[in-house]
Structures are given as C-alpha cells and as structure tokens.
N, C-alpha and C. Protein backbone atom coordinates (compact mmCIF):
# COMPACT_ATOMS: atom_id res chain seq x y z
N MET A 1 29.90 225.31 -57.39
CA MET A 1 28.51 225.33 -56.96
C MET A 1 28.34 226.29 -55.77
N HIS A 2 29.27 226.29 -54.84
CA HIS A 2 29.15 227.17 -53.68
C HIS A 2 29.29 228.62 -54.08
N PHE A 3 30.10 228.86 -55.11
CA PHE A 3 30.28 230.21 -55.60
C PHE A 3 28.95 230.78 -56.11
N MET A 4 28.16 229.96 -56.77
CA MET A 4 26.87 230.41 -57.29
C MET A 4 25.90 230.74 -56.15
N VAL A 5 25.96 230.00 -55.07
CA VAL A 5 25.11 230.30 -53.92
C VAL A 5 25.54 231.62 -53.30
N LEU A 6 26.83 231.89 -53.26
CA LEU A 6 27.30 233.18 -52.75
C LEU A 6 26.83 234.33 -53.63
N ILE A 7 26.84 234.11 -54.93
CA ILE A 7 26.32 235.13 -55.85
C ILE A 7 24.84 235.35 -55.60
N LEU A 8 24.08 234.28 -55.41
CA LEU A 8 22.65 234.40 -55.14
C LEU A 8 22.41 235.18 -53.85
N ILE A 9 23.18 234.89 -52.81
CA ILE A 9 23.04 235.60 -51.54
C ILE A 9 23.33 237.09 -51.72
N PHE A 10 24.39 237.41 -52.47
CA PHE A 10 24.71 238.81 -52.75
C PHE A 10 23.57 239.48 -53.51
N LEU A 11 23.03 238.80 -54.52
CA LEU A 11 21.93 239.38 -55.31
C LEU A 11 20.68 239.60 -54.47
N VAL A 12 20.37 238.66 -53.59
CA VAL A 12 19.21 238.83 -52.71
C VAL A 12 19.41 240.06 -51.82
N GLY A 13 20.60 240.20 -51.27
CA GLY A 13 20.89 241.37 -50.44
C GLY A 13 20.78 242.66 -51.22
N ALA A 14 21.34 242.68 -52.44
CA ALA A 14 21.29 243.89 -53.27
C ALA A 14 19.87 244.24 -53.67
N VAL A 15 19.08 243.25 -54.03
CA VAL A 15 17.69 243.51 -54.43
C VAL A 15 16.87 243.98 -53.23
N LEU A 16 17.06 243.38 -52.07
CA LEU A 16 16.33 243.83 -50.88
C LEU A 16 16.75 245.24 -50.48
N TRP A 17 18.04 245.54 -50.57
CA TRP A 17 18.51 246.89 -50.29
C TRP A 17 17.85 247.89 -51.24
N GLY A 18 17.85 247.58 -52.52
CA GLY A 18 17.23 248.45 -53.51
C GLY A 18 15.73 248.58 -53.31
N PHE A 19 15.09 247.48 -52.93
CA PHE A 19 13.64 247.49 -52.71
C PHE A 19 13.27 248.47 -51.61
N PHE A 20 13.99 248.41 -50.48
CA PHE A 20 13.65 249.28 -49.36
C PHE A 20 14.17 250.71 -49.54
N HIS A 21 15.24 250.87 -50.28
CA HIS A 21 15.76 252.22 -50.49
C HIS A 21 15.05 252.96 -51.62
N SER A 22 14.17 252.27 -52.32
CA SER A 22 13.39 252.94 -53.36
C SER A 22 11.94 253.12 -52.93
N ASN A 23 11.69 253.03 -51.62
CA ASN A 23 10.33 253.31 -51.13
C ASN A 23 9.92 254.71 -51.59
N PRO A 24 8.70 254.84 -52.10
CA PRO A 24 8.26 256.16 -52.54
C PRO A 24 8.13 257.12 -51.36
N GLN A 25 8.56 258.35 -51.56
CA GLN A 25 8.46 259.39 -50.53
C GLN A 25 7.10 260.08 -50.65
N GLY A 26 6.58 260.55 -49.53
CA GLY A 26 5.34 261.31 -49.55
C GLY A 26 4.08 260.47 -49.60
N VAL A 27 4.17 259.21 -49.15
CA VAL A 27 2.98 258.35 -49.08
C VAL A 27 2.78 257.92 -47.62
N PRO A 28 1.55 257.58 -47.24
CA PRO A 28 1.32 257.14 -45.86
C PRO A 28 2.13 255.89 -45.52
N ARG A 29 2.67 255.87 -44.32
CA ARG A 29 3.58 254.80 -43.91
C ARG A 29 2.89 253.44 -43.78
N ILE A 30 1.69 253.42 -43.22
CA ILE A 30 1.02 252.13 -43.00
C ILE A 30 0.65 251.45 -44.31
N PRO A 31 0.01 252.15 -45.26
CA PRO A 31 -0.26 251.48 -46.54
C PRO A 31 1.03 251.03 -47.25
N LEU A 32 2.08 251.83 -47.15
CA LEU A 32 3.35 251.46 -47.76
C LEU A 32 3.91 250.20 -47.11
N ALA A 33 3.85 250.13 -45.79
CA ALA A 33 4.34 248.94 -45.08
C ALA A 33 3.52 247.71 -45.45
N LEU A 34 2.20 247.87 -45.59
CA LEU A 34 1.35 246.74 -45.97
C LEU A 34 1.67 246.25 -47.37
N VAL A 35 1.90 247.17 -48.28
CA VAL A 35 2.26 246.78 -49.65
C VAL A 35 3.62 246.08 -49.66
N ASN A 36 4.57 246.60 -48.91
CA ASN A 36 5.89 245.96 -48.82
C ASN A 36 5.79 244.55 -48.27
N VAL A 37 5.01 244.38 -47.21
CA VAL A 37 4.84 243.04 -46.62
C VAL A 37 4.17 242.10 -47.62
N ALA A 38 3.17 242.60 -48.34
CA ALA A 38 2.47 241.76 -49.33
C ALA A 38 3.43 241.33 -50.44
N ILE A 39 4.27 242.25 -50.90
CA ILE A 39 5.23 241.91 -51.96
C ILE A 39 6.22 240.87 -51.46
N LEU A 40 6.77 241.07 -50.27
CA LEU A 40 7.74 240.11 -49.74
C LEU A 40 7.10 238.75 -49.45
N ALA A 41 5.86 238.76 -48.98
CA ALA A 41 5.16 237.48 -48.74
C ALA A 41 4.92 236.76 -50.06
N ALA A 42 4.51 237.50 -51.09
CA ALA A 42 4.30 236.88 -52.41
C ALA A 42 5.61 236.33 -52.95
N ALA A 43 6.71 237.03 -52.73
CA ALA A 43 8.01 236.56 -53.20
C ALA A 43 8.43 235.29 -52.47
N LEU A 44 8.20 235.25 -51.16
CA LEU A 44 8.53 234.04 -50.39
C LEU A 44 7.68 232.85 -50.83
N VAL A 45 6.39 233.08 -51.03
CA VAL A 45 5.50 232.00 -51.46
C VAL A 45 5.91 231.50 -52.85
N ALA A 46 6.17 232.44 -53.77
CA ALA A 46 6.57 232.04 -55.12
C ALA A 46 7.88 231.25 -55.09
N GLY A 47 8.84 231.72 -54.32
CA GLY A 47 10.11 231.02 -54.22
C GLY A 47 9.96 229.64 -53.61
N ALA A 48 9.20 229.55 -52.53
CA ALA A 48 9.00 228.26 -51.88
C ALA A 48 8.25 227.29 -52.79
N LEU A 49 7.25 227.78 -53.48
CA LEU A 49 6.46 226.92 -54.37
C LEU A 49 7.32 226.40 -55.52
N ILE A 50 8.03 227.31 -56.17
CA ILE A 50 8.86 226.90 -57.31
C ILE A 50 9.99 225.97 -56.84
N GLY A 51 10.63 226.31 -55.73
CA GLY A 51 11.70 225.47 -55.23
C GLY A 51 11.23 224.08 -54.84
N SER A 52 10.10 224.00 -54.17
CA SER A 52 9.61 222.68 -53.74
C SER A 52 9.15 221.83 -54.91
N VAL A 53 8.51 222.46 -55.90
CA VAL A 53 8.07 221.70 -57.08
C VAL A 53 9.28 221.19 -57.86
N LEU A 54 10.26 222.05 -58.05
CA LEU A 54 11.46 221.63 -58.78
C LEU A 54 12.20 220.54 -58.03
N TYR A 55 12.31 220.67 -56.71
CA TYR A 55 13.00 219.65 -55.91
C TYR A 55 12.28 218.31 -56.01
N ALA A 56 10.96 218.33 -55.85
CA ALA A 56 10.19 217.08 -55.91
C ALA A 56 10.33 216.42 -57.28
N ASP A 57 10.30 217.22 -58.33
CA ASP A 57 10.44 216.67 -59.67
C ASP A 57 11.84 216.10 -59.88
N ALA A 58 12.86 216.81 -59.45
CA ALA A 58 14.23 216.35 -59.65
C ALA A 58 14.53 215.09 -58.85
N VAL A 59 14.02 215.00 -57.64
CA VAL A 59 14.25 213.82 -56.82
C VAL A 59 13.52 212.61 -57.39
N SER A 60 12.35 212.83 -57.95
CA SER A 60 11.61 211.70 -58.52
C SER A 60 12.27 211.16 -59.78
N VAL A 61 12.94 212.02 -60.52
CA VAL A 61 13.61 211.58 -61.74
C VAL A 61 14.94 210.90 -61.42
N LYS A 62 15.73 211.51 -60.54
CA LYS A 62 17.03 210.95 -60.17
C LYS A 62 17.12 210.91 -58.65
N ALA A 63 16.62 209.84 -58.07
CA ALA A 63 16.54 209.74 -56.61
C ALA A 63 17.91 209.77 -55.94
N GLY A 64 18.95 209.35 -56.61
CA GLY A 64 20.27 209.30 -55.99
C GLY A 64 21.02 210.61 -56.01
N GLU A 65 20.47 211.64 -56.61
CA GLU A 65 21.16 212.92 -56.73
C GLU A 65 20.43 214.03 -55.99
N LYS A 66 20.22 213.83 -54.70
CA LYS A 66 19.50 214.83 -53.90
C LYS A 66 20.28 216.12 -53.75
N GLY A 67 21.59 216.04 -53.75
CA GLY A 67 22.41 217.24 -53.62
C GLY A 67 22.19 218.20 -54.77
N MET A 68 22.24 217.70 -55.98
CA MET A 68 22.04 218.55 -57.15
C MET A 68 20.60 219.05 -57.21
N ALA A 69 19.65 218.22 -56.84
CA ALA A 69 18.24 218.64 -56.81
C ALA A 69 18.04 219.77 -55.80
N THR A 70 18.67 219.65 -54.65
CA THR A 70 18.57 220.69 -53.63
C THR A 70 19.19 221.99 -54.14
N TYR A 71 20.35 221.89 -54.74
CA TYR A 71 21.03 223.07 -55.27
C TYR A 71 20.17 223.76 -56.33
N LEU A 72 19.65 223.01 -57.27
CA LEU A 72 18.81 223.60 -58.32
C LEU A 72 17.54 224.22 -57.74
N ALA A 73 16.96 223.57 -56.75
CA ALA A 73 15.75 224.11 -56.12
C ALA A 73 16.05 225.43 -55.42
N ILE A 74 17.18 225.50 -54.72
CA ILE A 74 17.55 226.74 -54.03
C ILE A 74 17.79 227.86 -55.03
N MET A 75 18.49 227.56 -56.11
CA MET A 75 18.78 228.58 -57.11
C MET A 75 17.49 229.06 -57.81
N ALA A 76 16.60 228.14 -58.13
CA ALA A 76 15.35 228.51 -58.78
C ALA A 76 14.46 229.31 -57.83
N ALA A 77 14.41 228.88 -56.57
CA ALA A 77 13.61 229.61 -55.58
C ALA A 77 14.16 231.01 -55.37
N GLY A 78 15.47 231.13 -55.28
CA GLY A 78 16.08 232.44 -55.11
C GLY A 78 15.84 233.34 -56.30
N THR A 79 15.92 232.80 -57.49
CA THR A 79 15.66 233.58 -58.69
C THR A 79 14.21 234.04 -58.74
N ALA A 80 13.29 233.17 -58.40
CA ALA A 80 11.87 233.55 -58.36
C ALA A 80 11.65 234.66 -57.33
N PHE A 81 12.27 234.53 -56.17
CA PHE A 81 12.16 235.55 -55.13
C PHE A 81 12.66 236.90 -55.66
N LEU A 82 13.82 236.89 -56.32
CA LEU A 82 14.39 238.13 -56.86
C LEU A 82 13.46 238.78 -57.89
N ILE A 83 12.91 237.97 -58.77
CA ILE A 83 12.04 238.50 -59.82
C ILE A 83 10.78 239.10 -59.23
N VAL A 84 10.18 238.42 -58.26
CA VAL A 84 8.93 238.92 -57.66
C VAL A 84 9.20 240.21 -56.87
N VAL A 85 10.30 240.27 -56.13
CA VAL A 85 10.60 241.49 -55.37
C VAL A 85 10.87 242.66 -56.31
N ALA A 86 11.65 242.43 -57.36
CA ALA A 86 11.96 243.51 -58.30
C ALA A 86 10.70 243.98 -59.03
N ALA A 87 9.91 243.05 -59.51
CA ALA A 87 8.67 243.42 -60.21
C ALA A 87 7.69 244.08 -59.24
N GLY A 88 7.61 243.55 -58.02
CA GLY A 88 6.73 244.14 -57.02
C GLY A 88 7.12 245.57 -56.68
N GLY A 89 8.42 245.82 -56.59
CA GLY A 89 8.89 247.18 -56.33
C GLY A 89 8.51 248.14 -57.44
N LEU A 90 8.61 247.67 -58.68
CA LEU A 90 8.19 248.51 -59.80
C LEU A 90 6.69 248.78 -59.77
N VAL A 91 5.90 247.75 -59.51
CA VAL A 91 4.44 247.92 -59.42
C VAL A 91 4.10 248.88 -58.28
N ARG A 92 4.77 248.71 -57.14
CA ARG A 92 4.54 249.58 -55.99
C ARG A 92 4.80 251.03 -56.36
N ASN A 93 5.93 251.31 -57.00
CA ASN A 93 6.33 252.68 -57.27
C ASN A 93 5.60 253.30 -58.46
N LEU A 94 5.20 252.49 -59.43
CA LEU A 94 4.59 253.05 -60.64
C LEU A 94 3.07 252.97 -60.67
N LEU A 95 2.49 251.95 -60.04
CA LEU A 95 1.04 251.77 -60.12
C LEU A 95 0.32 252.00 -58.79
N VAL A 96 0.86 251.46 -57.70
CA VAL A 96 0.17 251.58 -56.41
C VAL A 96 0.36 252.98 -55.84
N PHE A 97 1.59 253.49 -55.88
CA PHE A 97 1.89 254.84 -55.38
C PHE A 97 2.53 255.67 -56.49
N PRO A 98 1.77 256.00 -57.54
CA PRO A 98 2.35 256.81 -58.61
C PRO A 98 2.66 258.22 -58.12
N MET A 99 3.39 258.95 -58.92
CA MET A 99 3.79 260.31 -58.55
C MET A 99 2.58 261.18 -58.23
N THR A 100 1.45 260.92 -58.87
CA THR A 100 0.26 261.74 -58.64
C THR A 100 -0.35 261.53 -57.26
N LYS A 101 -0.05 260.41 -56.61
CA LYS A 101 -0.59 260.12 -55.27
C LYS A 101 0.37 260.51 -54.15
N ARG A 102 1.52 261.03 -54.49
CA ARG A 102 2.52 261.35 -53.49
C ARG A 102 2.42 262.81 -53.10
N ALA A 103 2.72 263.07 -51.82
CA ALA A 103 2.74 264.45 -51.33
C ALA A 103 3.93 265.16 -51.95
N PRO A 104 3.78 266.44 -52.27
CA PRO A 104 4.91 267.16 -52.85
C PRO A 104 6.06 267.28 -51.86
N ARG A 105 7.28 267.24 -52.37
CA ARG A 105 8.45 267.38 -51.51
C ARG A 105 8.65 268.83 -51.14
N GLU A 106 9.14 269.03 -49.95
CA GLU A 106 9.46 270.39 -49.52
C GLU A 106 10.78 270.81 -50.14
N PRO A 107 10.94 272.12 -50.43
CA PRO A 107 12.21 272.57 -51.00
C PRO A 107 13.37 272.28 -50.03
N GLY A 108 14.45 271.80 -50.57
CA GLY A 108 15.63 271.49 -49.77
C GLY A 108 15.60 270.11 -49.15
N ALA A 109 14.50 269.35 -49.33
CA ALA A 109 14.43 267.99 -48.77
C ALA A 109 15.25 267.05 -49.66
N PRO A 110 15.90 266.06 -49.07
CA PRO A 110 16.73 265.13 -49.87
C PRO A 110 15.89 264.23 -50.73
C-alpha cells in the first residue's frame, strides 16, 4: 500500500514538472499565470471533492476500516488531480494559447 502512495507522489511530481515545463512560449505572463492558477485550483477542488465523497461513502459502508477508506480516497483524489492537471495543460496549450496567439520565436532562441 505504501508503495502505491510513493508511485502517486512520483506521478504528481512528474505531471507538475511537465505542466510547468510545457508553458507556451510567446504569450503574456500574467494571463498565463492566471490560467495556470485556475487549472491547479480546479485540480485541487476536483481531487478534494472526489476524495472526500469516496471517503465518506467508504466509511459509511464499513465503519471499522477507516485506513483502507483513507487510502482509497487519497489515491482517487490524486488520480483526479493528475487527470485535471494533464487535461488542463492540453486545453491551455491547444485552445487558450494556440500557436496562432503566440508571438513568433526569434531565430536562435531555445
């Protein structure tokens, strides 16, 4: 069980690293920061909502197994967070800041 939590922590780190390292270039910084904050807030809300609902349901069904209910709630919340961040990053890069809205790169720029 602990191994799965370590995997979840690694995945959260990898997804967050990818999310911030795939920021579109050539867009205004403030709108980009606002979109990033909105995506991360939505991911936190989705994770917290799904985790709390699953925990409440699991505890009501098997009141004596709070440990397993907590574990399942954490894993479900983490998975929801990962999905929302990944999907939000795609929406950010493809719909909110498409290539047509980005400033052209200068020659020789990384």
